C-alpha atoms as a PDB file:
ATOM      1  CA  MET A   1     117.274 127.358 180.039  1.00  0.00           C
ATOM      2  CA  GLN A   2     119.440 129.695 178.005  1.00  0.00           C
ATOM      3  CA  ALA A   3     117.715 132.055 175.570  1.00  0.00           C
ATOM      4  CA  VAL A   4     119.959 130.981 172.665  1.00  0.00           C
ATOM      5  CA  GLU A   5     121.417 127.502 172.391  1.00  0.00           C
ATOM      6  CA  GLU A   6     123.727 126.042 169.758  1.00  0.00           C
ATOM      7  CA  VAL A   7     123.046 122.461 168.678  1.00  0.00           C
ATOM      8  CA  VAL A   8     124.673 120.212 166.098  1.00  0.00           C
ATOM      9  CA  GLU A   9     122.274 117.965 164.190  1.00  0.00           C
ATOM     10  CA  GLN A  10     122.293 116.056 160.902  1.00  0.00           C
ATOM     11  CA  CYS A  11     120.850 117.573 157.745  1.00  0.00           C
ATOM     12  CA  PRO A  12     117.838 115.513 156.599  1.00  0.00           C
ATOM     13  CA  HIS A  13     118.991 115.983 152.974  1.00  0.00           C
ATOM     14  CA  CYS A  14     122.727 115.250 152.917  1.00  0.00           C
ATOM     15  CA  GLY A  15     123.261 113.717 156.390  1.00  0.00           C
ATOM     16  CA  GLU A  16     126.138 116.079 157.203  1.00  0.00           C
ATOM     17  CA  PRO A  17     126.390 117.675 160.659  1.00  0.00           C
ATOM     18  CA  ILE A  18     125.078 121.251 160.757  1.00  0.00           C
ATOM     19  CA  SER A  19     125.140 123.852 163.517  1.00  0.00           C
ATOM     20  CA  LEU A  20     121.882 125.584 164.459  1.00  0.00           C
ATOM     21  CA  LEU A  21     121.356 128.515 166.821  1.00  0.00           C
ATOM     22  CA  LEU A  22     118.000 128.041 168.537  1.00  0.00           C
ATOM     23  CA  ASP A  23     116.238 131.074 170.044  1.00  0.00           C
ATOM     24  CA  LEU A  24     114.376 129.407 172.904  1.00  0.00           C
ATOM     25  CA  SER A  25     113.044 132.682 174.330  1.00  0.00           C
ATOM     26  CA  GLY A  26     110.271 132.822 171.688  1.00  0.00           C
ATOM     27  CA  GLY A  27     108.538 129.627 172.780  1.00  0.00           C
ATOM     28  CA  SER A  28     107.511 126.897 170.354  1.00  0.00           C
ATOM     29  CA  GLN A  29     108.142 127.813 166.738  1.00  0.00           C
ATOM     30  CA  ALA A  30     108.660 126.556 163.200  1.00  0.00           C
ATOM     31  CA  TYR A  31     110.776 128.076 160.444  1.00  0.00           C
ATOM     32  CA  THR A  32     112.851 127.175 157.384  1.00  0.00           C
ATOM     33  CA  GLU A  33     116.639 127.347 157.336  1.00  0.00           C
ATOM     34  CA  ASP A  34     119.055 126.343 154.577  1.00  0.00           C
ATOM     35  CA  CYS A  35     121.649 123.622 155.187  1.00  0.00           C
ATOM     36  CA  GLN A  36     125.161 125.095 155.441  1.00  0.00           C
ATOM     37  CA  VAL A  37     126.556 122.155 153.432  1.00  0.00           C
ATOM     38  CA  CYS A  38     124.084 121.327 150.618  1.00  0.00           C
ATOM     39  CA  CYS A  39     121.972 124.563 150.698  1.00  0.00           C
ATOM     40  CA  GLN A  40     118.680 122.625 150.705  1.00  0.00           C
ATOM     41  CA  PRO A  41     115.798 124.049 152.797  1.00  0.00           C
ATOM     42  CA  ILE A  42     115.197 122.408 156.181  1.00  0.00           C
ATOM     43  CA  HIS A  43     111.922 122.766 158.087  1.00  0.00           C
ATOM     44  CA  VAL A  44     112.902 123.339 161.749  1.00  0.00           C
ATOM     45  CA  SER A  45     110.286 122.800 164.493  1.00  0.00           C
ATOM     46  CA  ILE A  46     110.932 123.508 168.170  1.00  0.00           C
ATOM     47  CA  TRP A  47     108.484 122.571 170.953  1.00  0.00           C
ATOM     48  CA  ILE A  48     109.168 124.073 174.371  1.00  0.00           C
ATOM     49  CA  GLU A  49     108.039 122.133 177.446  1.00  0.00           C
ATOM     50  CA  HIS A  50     106.235 124.549 179.791  1.00  0.00           C
ATOM     51  CA  GLY A  51     107.556 124.573 183.345  1.00  0.00           C
ATOM     52  CA  ASP A  52     110.585 122.608 182.163  1.00  0.00           C
ATOM     53  CA  ASP A  53     113.994 123.372 180.720  1.00  0.00           C
ATOM     54  CA  ASN A  54     113.398 120.839 177.951  1.00  0.00           C
ATOM     55  CA  TYR A  55     112.646 121.306 174.288  1.00  0.00           C
ATOM     56  CA  HIS A  56     112.103 118.989 171.331  1.00  0.00           C
ATOM     57  CA  LEU A  57     113.698 119.664 167.964  1.00  0.00           C
ATOM     58  CA  ASP A  58     112.549 118.211 164.642  1.00  0.00           C
ATOM     59  CA  LEU A  59     114.358 118.692 161.324  1.00  0.00           C
ATOM     60  CA  ARG A  60     112.629 117.651 158.106  1.00  0.00           C
ATOM     61  CA  ARG A  61     113.025 118.106 154.411  1.00  0.00           C
ATOM     62  CA  GLU A  62     110.600 120.804 153.328  1.00  0.00           C
ATOM     63  CA  GLN A  63     108.616 118.421 151.101  1.00  0.00           C
ATOM     64  CA  ASP A  64     108.083 115.847 153.927  1.00  0.00           C
END
């Protein structure tokens, strides 16, 4: 697994594609990032599978 990975997902507010740089070296994490299109806050959660090169990504509106 690479330490930093770029993914393109949909913003949970406006539905537009957004690019995220995920730092996978820090393990599972949660943080808030603003949408590059509509500037609304997005709650980003990353779960790293131990012993695997897999991760799960969840994007939610901050109020959800």
